[in-house]
């Protein structure tokens, strides 16, 4: 079986001259509104979306469906399991009252869009998220709500989407952002996975 290059492109900074290397990859995964397009090339095979809460509603009510990168993608991945997030709702609202709509689920809307436009829709399974929480716990993160979508996708790719011989590469991951994602622990986990040879950062 031939070796594939799977490029996971976050919405953070990318190395100068990265575009050609990213566009040459066999599979390119981007996130949400794909604002990484430009300095990181244009090839987009998979768009992973945050399918709950305000980010999901904003995409669906805005111009996401006509975004050029989204239109190029062959697959849409919903990062959050509706079943898992529905179980989280009561405890989350108690701990963070301003996150009352955080677990509102828009998976069906993304699935309907994918079906209407002839592309595959996947929901990343809850067990990927749960194993990721256990892996992050090794780095004693401060209290957090959920891992970032980027980290969930990395975990999903490594737990079955990528084959043993594939080359999984990251770029656009600055590990900063919303204070209720465990970015410091995520950075440490990514560096551990790199040291173990499971993935690489695009130099």
N, C-alpha and C. Protein backbone atom coordinates (compact mmCIF):
# COMPACT_ATOMS: atom_id res chain seq x y z
N UNK A 1 0.85 -1.19 0.00
CA UNK A 1 0.00 0.00 0.00
C UNK A 1 0.89 1.24 0.00
N UNK A 2 0.53 2.23 -0.82
CA UNK A 2 1.36 3.42 -0.93
C UNK A 2 1.20 4.31 0.29
N UNK A 3 2.24 5.02 0.59
CA UNK A 3 2.25 5.93 1.75
C UNK A 3 1.59 7.24 1.38
N UNK A 4 0.67 7.69 2.21
CA UNK A 4 -0.01 8.96 1.99
C UNK A 4 0.57 10.03 2.92
N UNK A 5 0.53 11.26 2.45
CA UNK A 5 0.80 12.40 3.32
C UNK A 5 -0.53 13.03 3.70
N UNK A 6 -0.81 13.06 5.00
CA UNK A 6 -2.03 13.65 5.51
C UNK A 6 -1.64 14.94 6.23
N UNK A 7 -2.11 16.07 5.74
CA UNK A 7 -1.74 17.37 6.27
C UNK A 7 -2.92 17.95 7.05
N UNK A 8 -2.72 18.18 8.34
CA UNK A 8 -3.76 18.78 9.18
C UNK A 8 -3.38 20.24 9.38
N UNK A 9 -4.21 21.13 8.85
CA UNK A 9 -3.87 22.55 8.79
C UNK A 9 -4.78 23.34 9.70
N UNK A 10 -4.22 23.81 10.82
CA UNK A 10 -4.98 24.66 11.72
C UNK A 10 -5.12 26.07 11.19
N UNK A 11 -5.80 26.91 11.93
CA UNK A 11 -6.02 28.29 11.50
C UNK A 11 -5.00 29.26 12.08
N UNK A 12 -3.88 28.73 12.57
CA UNK A 12 -2.81 29.56 13.10
C UNK A 12 -1.75 29.85 12.04
N UNK A 13 -0.58 30.25 12.51
CA UNK A 13 0.50 30.65 11.60
C UNK A 13 1.12 29.43 10.92
N UNK A 14 1.58 29.63 9.69
CA UNK A 14 2.24 28.57 8.93
C UNK A 14 3.61 29.07 8.48
N UNK A 15 4.57 28.17 8.26
CA UNK A 15 5.90 28.60 7.81
C UNK A 15 5.83 29.28 6.45
N UNK A 16 6.74 30.20 6.22
CA UNK A 16 6.83 30.85 4.91
C UNK A 16 7.12 29.79 3.85
N UNK A 17 6.43 29.88 2.74
CA UNK A 17 6.63 28.93 1.66
C UNK A 17 5.93 27.61 1.85
N UNK A 18 4.99 27.53 2.81
CA UNK A 18 4.34 26.26 3.11
C UNK A 18 3.30 25.85 2.08
N UNK A 19 2.76 26.82 1.34
CA UNK A 19 1.61 26.55 0.49
C UNK A 19 1.83 25.39 -0.48
N UNK A 20 2.98 25.38 -1.16
CA UNK A 20 3.22 24.35 -2.16
C UNK A 20 3.31 22.96 -1.52
N UNK A 21 3.93 22.88 -0.35
CA UNK A 21 4.04 21.59 0.33
C UNK A 21 2.68 21.09 0.78
N UNK A 22 1.85 22.01 1.26
CA UNK A 22 0.51 21.61 1.71
C UNK A 22 -0.33 21.16 0.52
N UNK A 23 -0.30 21.91 -0.56
CA UNK A 23 -1.10 21.56 -1.73
C UNK A 23 -0.63 20.25 -2.38
N UNK A 24 0.60 19.85 -2.11
CA UNK A 24 1.12 18.59 -2.67
C UNK A 24 0.73 17.37 -1.84
N UNK A 25 0.16 17.57 -0.67
CA UNK A 25 -0.22 16.44 0.19
C UNK A 25 -1.36 15.65 -0.43
N UNK A 26 -1.45 14.39 -0.06
CA UNK A 26 -2.53 13.54 -0.57
C UNK A 26 -3.89 13.95 0.01
N UNK A 27 -3.90 14.28 1.29
CA UNK A 27 -5.13 14.68 1.97
C UNK A 27 -4.85 15.90 2.83
N UNK A 28 -5.65 16.93 2.66
CA UNK A 28 -5.51 18.15 3.45
C UNK A 28 -6.80 18.36 4.25
N UNK A 29 -6.66 18.48 5.57
CA UNK A 29 -7.78 18.70 6.47
C UNK A 29 -7.69 20.13 7.00
N UNK A 30 -8.78 20.87 6.85
CA UNK A 30 -8.86 22.23 7.39
C UNK A 30 -10.04 22.31 8.34
N UNK A 31 -10.24 23.51 8.94
CA UNK A 31 -11.21 23.65 10.02
C UNK A 31 -12.17 24.80 9.78
N UNK A 32 -13.43 24.54 10.10
CA UNK A 32 -14.49 25.55 10.16
C UNK A 32 -14.55 26.40 8.89
N UNK A 33 -14.20 27.68 8.97
CA UNK A 33 -14.32 28.55 7.80
C UNK A 33 -13.05 28.55 6.93
N UNK A 34 -12.13 27.66 7.24
CA UNK A 34 -10.92 27.46 6.42
C UNK A 34 -10.15 28.77 6.20
N UNK A 35 -10.05 29.59 7.23
CA UNK A 35 -9.35 30.86 7.05
C UNK A 35 -7.84 30.69 6.91
N UNK A 36 -7.38 29.44 7.01
CA UNK A 36 -5.96 29.16 6.74
C UNK A 36 -5.63 29.24 5.26
N UNK A 37 -6.64 29.17 4.39
CA UNK A 37 -6.39 29.19 2.95
C UNK A 37 -5.70 30.50 2.56
N UNK A 38 -4.72 30.37 1.68
CA UNK A 38 -3.92 31.52 1.25
C UNK A 38 -2.47 31.21 1.54
N UNK A 39 -1.94 31.64 2.69
CA UNK A 39 -0.55 31.32 3.03
C UNK A 39 -0.30 29.82 3.12
N UNK A 40 -1.38 29.05 3.38
CA UNK A 40 -1.21 27.60 3.48
C UNK A 40 -1.79 26.88 2.27
N UNK A 41 -1.81 27.54 1.13
CA UNK A 41 -2.32 26.90 -0.07
C UNK A 41 -3.83 26.91 -0.12
N UNK A 42 -4.37 26.11 -1.04
CA UNK A 42 -5.83 26.09 -1.23
C UNK A 42 -6.42 24.69 -1.22
N UNK A 43 -5.62 23.67 -1.39
CA UNK A 43 -6.15 22.31 -1.44
C UNK A 43 -6.91 22.01 -0.15
N UNK A 44 -8.10 21.49 -0.28
CA UNK A 44 -8.94 21.17 0.86
C UNK A 44 -9.73 19.91 0.54
N UNK A 45 -9.43 18.84 1.24
CA UNK A 45 -10.15 17.58 1.02
C UNK A 45 -11.20 17.32 2.09
N UNK A 46 -10.92 17.74 3.31
CA UNK A 46 -11.82 17.52 4.44
C UNK A 46 -11.93 18.82 5.22
N UNK A 47 -13.15 19.19 5.57
CA UNK A 47 -13.36 20.32 6.48
C UNK A 47 -13.95 19.77 7.77
N UNK A 48 -13.24 19.96 8.87
CA UNK A 48 -13.72 19.54 10.19
C UNK A 48 -14.39 20.74 10.84
N UNK A 49 -15.63 20.54 11.28
CA UNK A 49 -16.40 21.66 11.82
C UNK A 49 -16.74 21.42 13.28
N UNK A 50 -16.78 22.52 14.02
CA UNK A 50 -17.33 22.53 15.36
C UNK A 50 -18.85 22.57 15.20
N UNK A 51 -19.52 21.47 15.43
CA UNK A 51 -20.93 21.30 15.05
C UNK A 51 -21.90 21.57 16.19
N UNK A 52 -21.44 22.22 17.26
CA UNK A 52 -22.35 22.61 18.33
C UNK A 52 -22.15 24.09 18.66
N UNK A 53 -23.14 24.66 19.30
CA UNK A 53 -23.03 26.00 19.86
C UNK A 53 -22.92 27.12 18.84
N UNK A 54 -22.41 28.24 19.32
CA UNK A 54 -22.37 29.46 18.52
C UNK A 54 -21.52 29.34 17.25
N UNK A 55 -20.35 28.67 17.30
CA UNK A 55 -19.58 28.55 16.05
C UNK A 55 -20.36 27.84 14.95
N UNK A 56 -21.08 26.77 15.31
CA UNK A 56 -21.87 26.04 14.31
C UNK A 56 -22.97 26.93 13.74
N UNK A 57 -23.70 27.60 14.62
CA UNK A 57 -24.80 28.45 14.17
C UNK A 57 -24.28 29.57 13.27
N UNK A 58 -23.15 30.14 13.65
CA UNK A 58 -22.58 31.23 12.86
C UNK A 58 -22.20 30.75 11.46
N UNK A 59 -21.61 29.58 11.36
CA UNK A 59 -21.24 29.06 10.04
C UNK A 59 -22.48 28.81 9.19
N UNK A 60 -23.46 28.15 9.76
CA UNK A 60 -24.64 27.76 8.99
C UNK A 60 -25.48 28.95 8.57
N UNK A 61 -25.49 30.01 9.39
CA UNK A 61 -26.29 31.20 9.07
C UNK A 61 -25.51 32.21 8.24
N UNK A 62 -24.19 32.01 8.14
CA UNK A 62 -23.35 32.93 7.38
C UNK A 62 -23.03 32.39 6.00
N UNK A 63 -21.82 32.70 5.52
CA UNK A 63 -21.45 32.31 4.17
C UNK A 63 -20.68 31.01 4.06
N UNK A 64 -20.70 30.19 5.13
CA UNK A 64 -19.89 28.98 5.15
C UNK A 64 -20.20 28.04 3.99
N UNK A 65 -21.47 27.89 3.66
CA UNK A 65 -21.86 26.92 2.63
C UNK A 65 -21.34 27.30 1.24
N UNK A 66 -21.04 28.55 1.04
CA UNK A 66 -20.52 28.99 -0.26
C UNK A 66 -19.03 29.32 -0.21
N UNK A 67 -18.40 29.05 0.92
CA UNK A 67 -16.95 29.24 1.06
C UNK A 67 -16.24 28.37 0.02
N UNK A 68 -15.32 28.94 -0.73
CA UNK A 68 -14.68 28.21 -1.83
C UNK A 68 -13.97 26.96 -1.35
N UNK A 69 -13.28 27.05 -0.22
CA UNK A 69 -12.56 25.88 0.30
C UNK A 69 -13.54 24.80 0.74
N UNK A 70 -14.62 25.20 1.39
CA UNK A 70 -15.63 24.23 1.81
C UNK A 70 -16.23 23.55 0.58
N UNK A 71 -16.47 24.30 -0.46
CA UNK A 71 -17.06 23.73 -1.67
C UNK A 71 -16.11 22.74 -2.36
N UNK A 72 -14.81 22.91 -2.17
CA UNK A 72 -13.85 21.98 -2.77
C UNK A 72 -13.75 20.67 -2.00
N UNK A 73 -14.12 20.67 -0.74
CA UNK A 73 -13.91 19.49 0.13
C UNK A 73 -14.77 18.31 -0.31
N UNK A 74 -14.22 17.12 -0.11
CA UNK A 74 -14.95 15.88 -0.41
C UNK A 74 -15.69 15.36 0.81
N UNK A 75 -15.25 15.78 2.01
CA UNK A 75 -15.86 15.29 3.24
C UNK A 75 -16.04 16.45 4.23
N UNK A 76 -17.09 16.33 5.04
CA UNK A 76 -17.31 17.22 6.17
C UNK A 76 -17.28 16.36 7.42
N UNK A 77 -16.44 16.73 8.38
CA UNK A 77 -16.36 16.00 9.65
C UNK A 77 -16.96 16.85 10.75
N UNK A 78 -17.96 16.32 11.44
CA UNK A 78 -18.48 16.96 12.65
C UNK A 78 -17.67 16.45 13.83
N UNK A 79 -17.00 17.36 14.51
CA UNK A 79 -16.01 16.99 15.51
C UNK A 79 -16.64 16.50 16.82
N UNK A 80 -17.85 16.97 17.12
CA UNK A 80 -18.44 16.71 18.44
C UNK A 80 -19.59 15.72 18.36
N UNK A 81 -19.54 14.72 19.22
CA UNK A 81 -20.60 13.71 19.31
C UNK A 81 -21.82 14.30 20.00
N UNK A 82 -22.96 14.31 19.31
CA UNK A 82 -24.19 14.87 19.89
C UNK A 82 -24.58 14.15 21.17
N UNK A 83 -24.42 12.83 21.20
CA UNK A 83 -24.78 12.07 22.39
C UNK A 83 -23.93 12.49 23.59
N UNK A 84 -22.63 12.64 23.36
CA UNK A 84 -21.74 13.03 24.46
C UNK A 84 -22.07 14.44 24.94
N UNK A 85 -22.29 15.36 24.01
CA UNK A 85 -22.52 16.74 24.40
C UNK A 85 -23.87 16.94 25.07
N UNK A 86 -24.86 16.13 24.70
CA UNK A 86 -26.15 16.24 25.39
C UNK A 86 -26.02 15.82 26.85
N UNK A 87 -25.17 14.86 27.13
CA UNK A 87 -24.94 14.43 28.51
C UNK A 87 -24.15 15.47 29.30
N UNK A 88 -23.34 16.26 28.62
CA UNK A 88 -22.53 17.28 29.28
C UNK A 88 -23.33 18.52 29.65
N UNK A 89 -24.48 18.71 29.01
CA UNK A 89 -25.17 20.01 29.06
C UNK A 89 -25.45 20.50 30.49
N UNK A 90 -26.11 19.67 31.31
CA UNK A 90 -26.55 20.13 32.63
C UNK A 90 -25.36 20.55 33.50
N UNK A 91 -24.31 19.72 33.55
CA UNK A 91 -23.15 20.04 34.36
C UNK A 91 -22.41 21.26 33.85
N UNK A 92 -22.38 21.40 32.53
CA UNK A 92 -21.67 22.53 31.93
C UNK A 92 -22.38 23.84 32.25
N UNK A 93 -23.71 23.85 32.16
CA UNK A 93 -24.46 25.07 32.45
C UNK A 93 -24.31 25.45 33.92
N UNK A 94 -24.26 24.45 34.78
CA UNK A 94 -24.08 24.74 36.21
C UNK A 94 -22.72 25.37 36.47
N UNK A 95 -21.68 24.83 35.82
CA UNK A 95 -20.32 25.35 36.04
C UNK A 95 -20.07 26.65 35.29
N UNK A 96 -20.65 26.78 34.10
CA UNK A 96 -20.41 27.95 33.24
C UNK A 96 -21.75 28.44 32.69
N UNK A 97 -22.51 29.21 33.47
CA UNK A 97 -23.86 29.62 33.05
C UNK A 97 -23.91 30.34 31.70
N UNK A 98 -22.82 31.01 31.32
CA UNK A 98 -22.83 31.73 30.04
C UNK A 98 -22.66 30.80 28.84
N UNK A 99 -22.46 29.51 29.09
CA UNK A 99 -22.32 28.54 28.00
C UNK A 99 -23.61 27.73 27.82
N UNK A 100 -24.74 28.36 28.05
CA UNK A 100 -26.01 27.67 27.96
C UNK A 100 -26.30 27.08 26.60
N UNK A 101 -25.75 27.67 25.53
CA UNK A 101 -25.99 27.14 24.18
C UNK A 101 -24.82 26.33 23.64
N UNK A 102 -23.83 26.06 24.49
CA UNK A 102 -22.60 25.40 24.03
C UNK A 102 -22.89 24.02 23.44
N UNK A 103 -23.87 23.32 24.00
CA UNK A 103 -24.16 21.95 23.56
C UNK A 103 -25.28 21.86 22.53
N UNK A 104 -25.81 23.02 22.10
CA UNK A 104 -26.83 22.99 21.05
C UNK A 104 -26.26 22.29 19.83
N UNK A 105 -26.97 21.30 19.32
CA UNK A 105 -26.41 20.41 18.30
C UNK A 105 -26.92 20.76 16.91
N UNK A 106 -25.99 20.95 15.98
CA UNK A 106 -26.33 21.27 14.59
C UNK A 106 -25.82 20.19 13.63
N UNK A 107 -25.57 19.00 14.15
CA UNK A 107 -25.02 17.93 13.32
C UNK A 107 -25.92 17.64 12.12
N UNK A 108 -27.22 17.60 12.34
CA UNK A 108 -28.14 17.28 11.23
C UNK A 108 -28.05 18.31 10.11
N UNK A 109 -27.80 19.55 10.47
CA UNK A 109 -27.70 20.60 9.45
C UNK A 109 -26.45 20.39 8.59
N UNK A 110 -25.34 20.03 9.22
CA UNK A 110 -24.12 19.76 8.44
C UNK A 110 -24.29 18.49 7.60
N UNK A 111 -24.95 17.49 8.17
CA UNK A 111 -25.20 16.25 7.42
C UNK A 111 -26.09 16.52 6.21
N UNK A 112 -27.11 17.35 6.40
CA UNK A 112 -28.02 17.67 5.30
C UNK A 112 -27.29 18.42 4.19
N UNK A 113 -26.43 19.35 4.59
CA UNK A 113 -25.64 20.08 3.58
C UNK A 113 -24.74 19.12 2.81
N UNK A 114 -24.09 18.20 3.53
CA UNK A 114 -23.21 17.24 2.86
C UNK A 114 -24.00 16.37 1.88
N UNK A 115 -25.15 15.90 2.30
CA UNK A 115 -25.96 15.05 1.42
C UNK A 115 -26.42 15.84 0.20
N UNK A 116 -26.85 17.06 0.41
CA UNK A 116 -27.36 17.89 -0.68
C UNK A 116 -26.29 18.18 -1.72
N UNK A 117 -25.04 18.28 -1.28
CA UNK A 117 -23.95 18.63 -2.18
C UNK A 117 -23.10 17.42 -2.59
N UNK A 118 -23.54 16.22 -2.21
CA UNK A 118 -22.89 15.00 -2.68
C UNK A 118 -21.54 14.71 -2.08
N UNK A 119 -21.41 15.01 -0.80
CA UNK A 119 -20.14 14.69 -0.15
C UNK A 119 -20.40 13.88 1.12
N UNK A 120 -19.34 13.25 1.61
CA UNK A 120 -19.44 12.38 2.77
C UNK A 120 -19.48 13.22 4.05
N UNK A 121 -20.31 12.79 5.00
CA UNK A 121 -20.35 13.42 6.31
C UNK A 121 -20.00 12.38 7.36
N UNK A 122 -19.06 12.70 8.24
CA UNK A 122 -18.69 11.82 9.34
C UNK A 122 -18.87 12.57 10.65
N UNK A 123 -19.28 11.84 11.67
CA UNK A 123 -19.28 12.37 13.03
C UNK A 123 -18.16 11.65 13.78
N UNK A 124 -17.21 12.37 14.32
CA UNK A 124 -16.12 11.73 15.05
C UNK A 124 -16.69 11.11 16.32
N UNK A 125 -16.36 9.86 16.59
CA UNK A 125 -17.00 9.15 17.70
C UNK A 125 -16.59 9.69 19.07
N UNK A 126 -17.52 9.53 20.02
CA UNK A 126 -17.29 10.03 21.38
C UNK A 126 -16.05 9.41 22.02
N UNK A 127 -15.76 8.14 21.68
CA UNK A 127 -14.62 7.49 22.34
C UNK A 127 -13.29 8.15 21.99
N UNK A 128 -13.21 8.81 20.84
CA UNK A 128 -11.98 9.54 20.49
C UNK A 128 -11.79 10.72 21.45
N UNK A 129 -12.86 11.46 21.68
CA UNK A 129 -12.83 12.58 22.62
C UNK A 129 -12.48 12.09 24.03
N UNK A 130 -13.10 10.99 24.44
CA UNK A 130 -12.90 10.49 25.81
C UNK A 130 -11.48 9.98 26.02
N UNK A 131 -10.91 9.30 25.02
CA UNK A 131 -9.52 8.85 25.13
C UNK A 131 -8.58 10.05 25.12
N UNK A 132 -8.93 11.07 24.35
CA UNK A 132 -8.11 12.28 24.33
C UNK A 132 -8.10 12.94 25.70
N UNK A 133 -9.25 13.00 26.37
CA UNK A 133 -9.28 13.56 27.73
C UNK A 133 -8.34 12.79 28.65
N UNK A 134 -8.32 11.48 28.51
CA UNK A 134 -7.42 10.67 29.35
C UNK A 134 -5.96 10.95 29.00
N UNK A 135 -5.66 11.10 27.74
CA UNK A 135 -4.28 11.38 27.33
C UNK A 135 -3.83 12.76 27.82
N UNK A 136 -4.72 13.73 27.76
CA UNK A 136 -4.38 15.08 28.22
C UNK A 136 -4.19 15.12 29.74
N UNK A 137 -4.90 14.26 30.45
CA UNK A 137 -4.79 14.25 31.92
C UNK A 137 -3.37 13.97 32.39
N UNK A 138 -2.56 13.31 31.57
CA UNK A 138 -1.17 13.02 31.94
C UNK A 138 -0.37 14.31 32.12
N UNK A 139 -0.86 15.42 31.55
CA UNK A 139 -0.12 16.67 31.60
C UNK A 139 -0.75 17.67 32.57
N UNK A 140 -1.63 17.17 33.45
CA UNK A 140 -2.24 17.97 34.52
C UNK A 140 -2.78 19.31 34.03
N UNK A 141 -3.71 19.29 33.07
CA UNK A 141 -4.23 20.55 32.57
C UNK A 141 -5.06 21.28 33.62
N UNK A 142 -5.12 22.59 33.52
CA UNK A 142 -6.06 23.37 34.33
C UNK A 142 -7.48 22.96 33.93
N UNK A 143 -8.46 23.23 34.78
CA UNK A 143 -9.84 22.87 34.42
C UNK A 143 -10.22 23.42 33.04
N UNK A 144 -10.84 22.58 32.22
CA UNK A 144 -11.22 22.98 30.87
C UNK A 144 -12.57 22.39 30.52
N UNK A 145 -13.16 22.88 29.45
CA UNK A 145 -14.47 22.39 29.03
C UNK A 145 -14.32 21.21 28.07
N UNK A 146 -13.63 21.43 26.96
CA UNK A 146 -13.40 20.37 25.97
C UNK A 146 -12.06 20.63 25.30
N UNK A 147 -11.44 19.59 24.74
CA UNK A 147 -10.26 19.82 23.91
C UNK A 147 -10.65 20.62 22.66
N UNK A 148 -9.67 21.25 22.04
CA UNK A 148 -9.93 22.00 20.81
C UNK A 148 -10.31 21.04 19.69
N UNK A 149 -11.02 21.57 18.70
CA UNK A 149 -11.38 20.75 17.54
C UNK A 149 -10.15 20.21 16.84
N UNK A 150 -9.10 21.04 16.77
CA UNK A 150 -7.88 20.58 16.13
C UNK A 150 -7.29 19.37 16.81
N UNK A 151 -7.29 19.36 18.14
CA UNK A 151 -6.72 18.24 18.87
C UNK A 151 -7.58 17.00 18.73
N UNK A 152 -8.90 17.17 18.67
CA UNK A 152 -9.79 16.02 18.47
C UNK A 152 -9.54 15.40 17.10
N UNK A 153 -9.34 16.24 16.10
CA UNK A 153 -9.08 15.72 14.75
C UNK A 153 -7.73 14.99 14.71
N UNK A 154 -6.71 15.55 15.34
CA UNK A 154 -5.42 14.85 15.40
C UNK A 154 -5.62 13.46 16.01
N UNK A 155 -6.35 13.40 17.11
CA UNK A 155 -6.59 12.11 17.77
C UNK A 155 -7.35 11.16 16.86
N UNK A 156 -8.35 11.67 16.14
CA UNK A 156 -9.14 10.82 15.26
C UNK A 156 -8.30 10.29 14.10
N UNK A 157 -7.46 11.15 13.53
CA UNK A 157 -6.60 10.71 12.43
C UNK A 157 -5.66 9.62 12.89
N UNK A 158 -5.05 9.80 14.05
CA UNK A 158 -4.08 8.83 14.55
C UNK A 158 -4.74 7.54 15.04
N UNK A 159 -6.02 7.61 15.39
CA UNK A 159 -6.67 6.42 15.95
C UNK A 159 -7.37 5.55 14.92
N UNK A 160 -7.20 5.85 13.64
CA UNK A 160 -7.82 4.96 12.66
C UNK A 160 -7.85 5.47 11.24
N UNK A 161 -7.97 6.78 11.05
CA UNK A 161 -8.03 7.31 9.68
C UNK A 161 -6.70 7.11 8.96
N UNK A 162 -5.60 7.39 9.65
CA UNK A 162 -4.28 7.20 9.06
C UNK A 162 -3.84 5.75 9.22
N UNK A 163 -3.16 5.23 8.21
CA UNK A 163 -2.56 3.90 8.29
C UNK A 163 -1.15 4.02 8.87
N UNK A 164 -0.62 2.89 9.29
CA UNK A 164 0.68 2.88 9.94
C UNK A 164 1.77 3.54 9.09
N UNK A 165 1.67 3.34 7.76
CA UNK A 165 2.74 3.84 6.90
C UNK A 165 2.54 5.31 6.48
N UNK A 166 1.42 5.91 6.82
CA UNK A 166 1.15 7.28 6.39
C UNK A 166 2.00 8.30 7.15
N UNK A 167 2.23 9.42 6.50
CA UNK A 167 2.99 10.52 7.08
C UNK A 167 1.98 11.60 7.49
N UNK A 168 1.77 11.76 8.79
CA UNK A 168 0.80 12.73 9.29
C UNK A 168 1.54 13.99 9.72
N UNK A 169 1.18 15.11 9.13
CA UNK A 169 1.90 16.35 9.37
C UNK A 169 0.94 17.43 9.87
N UNK A 170 1.46 18.32 10.71
CA UNK A 170 0.68 19.43 11.27
C UNK A 170 1.31 20.75 10.86
N UNK A 171 0.45 21.74 10.65
CA UNK A 171 0.90 23.12 10.55
C UNK A 171 -0.29 24.00 10.92
N UNK A 172 -0.02 25.25 11.27
CA UNK A 172 -1.09 26.15 11.66
C UNK A 172 -1.63 25.90 13.06
N UNK A 173 -0.84 25.23 13.89
CA UNK A 173 -1.24 24.97 15.28
C UNK A 173 -0.34 25.79 16.21
N UNK A 174 -0.89 26.88 16.72
CA UNK A 174 -0.15 27.72 17.66
C UNK A 174 -0.47 27.36 19.11
N UNK A 175 -1.50 26.54 19.31
CA UNK A 175 -1.90 26.09 20.66
C UNK A 175 -2.24 27.27 21.56
N UNK A 176 -2.96 28.23 21.01
CA UNK A 176 -3.46 29.36 21.80
C UNK A 176 -4.89 29.62 21.35
N UNK A 177 -5.66 30.27 22.22
CA UNK A 177 -7.04 30.60 21.86
C UNK A 177 -7.94 30.61 23.07
N UNK A 178 -9.13 30.06 22.92
CA UNK A 178 -10.16 30.10 23.96
C UNK A 178 -9.60 29.55 25.27
N UNK A 179 -9.82 30.28 26.35
CA UNK A 179 -9.20 29.92 27.63
C UNK A 179 -9.74 28.62 28.22
N UNK A 180 -10.87 28.11 27.72
CA UNK A 180 -11.42 26.87 28.25
C UNK A 180 -11.09 25.65 27.41
N UNK A 181 -10.15 25.81 26.47
CA UNK A 181 -9.48 24.66 25.84
C UNK A 181 -8.14 24.46 26.57
N UNK A 182 -7.68 23.22 26.71
CA UNK A 182 -6.42 22.96 27.46
C UNK A 182 -5.19 23.08 26.56
N UNK A 183 -4.92 24.28 26.06
CA UNK A 183 -3.90 24.41 25.02
C UNK A 183 -2.49 24.04 25.49
N UNK A 184 -2.14 24.33 26.72
CA UNK A 184 -0.80 23.98 27.18
C UNK A 184 -0.62 22.47 27.20
N UNK A 185 -1.61 21.76 27.72
CA UNK A 185 -1.55 20.29 27.72
C UNK A 185 -1.58 19.75 26.29
N UNK A 186 -2.36 20.38 25.41
CA UNK A 186 -2.41 19.93 24.02
C UNK A 186 -1.04 20.06 23.35
N UNK A 187 -0.37 21.17 23.61
CA UNK A 187 0.96 21.35 23.03
C UNK A 187 1.91 20.24 23.52
N UNK A 188 1.85 19.94 24.80
CA UNK A 188 2.73 18.91 25.36
C UNK A 188 2.39 17.54 24.79
N UNK A 189 1.11 17.26 24.61
CA UNK A 189 0.72 15.98 24.02
C UNK A 189 1.20 15.88 22.57
N UNK A 190 1.04 16.95 21.81
CA UNK A 190 1.51 16.94 20.42
C UNK A 190 3.02 16.72 20.37
N UNK A 191 3.77 17.38 21.22
CA UNK A 191 5.22 17.20 21.22
C UNK A 191 5.59 15.76 21.60
N UNK A 192 4.83 15.17 22.49
CA UNK A 192 5.07 13.76 22.85
C UNK A 192 4.81 12.86 21.65
N UNK A 193 3.71 13.09 20.94
CA UNK A 193 3.38 12.28 19.76
C UNK A 193 4.44 12.45 18.67
N UNK A 194 4.97 13.66 18.54
CA UNK A 194 6.05 13.88 17.57
C UNK A 194 7.30 13.11 17.98
N UNK A 195 7.64 13.17 19.25
CA UNK A 195 8.85 12.47 19.71
C UNK A 195 8.72 10.96 19.55
N UNK A 196 7.48 10.46 19.58
CA UNK A 196 7.24 9.03 19.40
C UNK A 196 7.12 8.63 17.93
N UNK A 197 7.20 9.61 17.03
CA UNK A 197 7.18 9.32 15.61
C UNK A 197 5.78 9.16 15.00
N UNK A 198 4.74 9.58 15.72
CA UNK A 198 3.39 9.42 15.20
C UNK A 198 2.99 10.55 14.25
N UNK A 199 3.62 11.72 14.40
CA UNK A 199 3.36 12.83 13.49
C UNK A 199 4.55 13.77 13.44
N UNK A 200 4.47 14.71 12.52
CA UNK A 200 5.54 15.69 12.34
C UNK A 200 4.92 17.07 12.18
N UNK A 201 5.69 18.10 12.54
CA UNK A 201 5.29 19.46 12.19
C UNK A 201 5.94 19.82 10.85
N UNK A 202 5.20 20.54 10.04
CA UNK A 202 5.77 21.03 8.79
C UNK A 202 6.82 22.07 9.11
N UNK A 203 8.04 21.82 8.68
CA UNK A 203 9.15 22.72 8.98
C UNK A 203 9.07 23.96 8.11
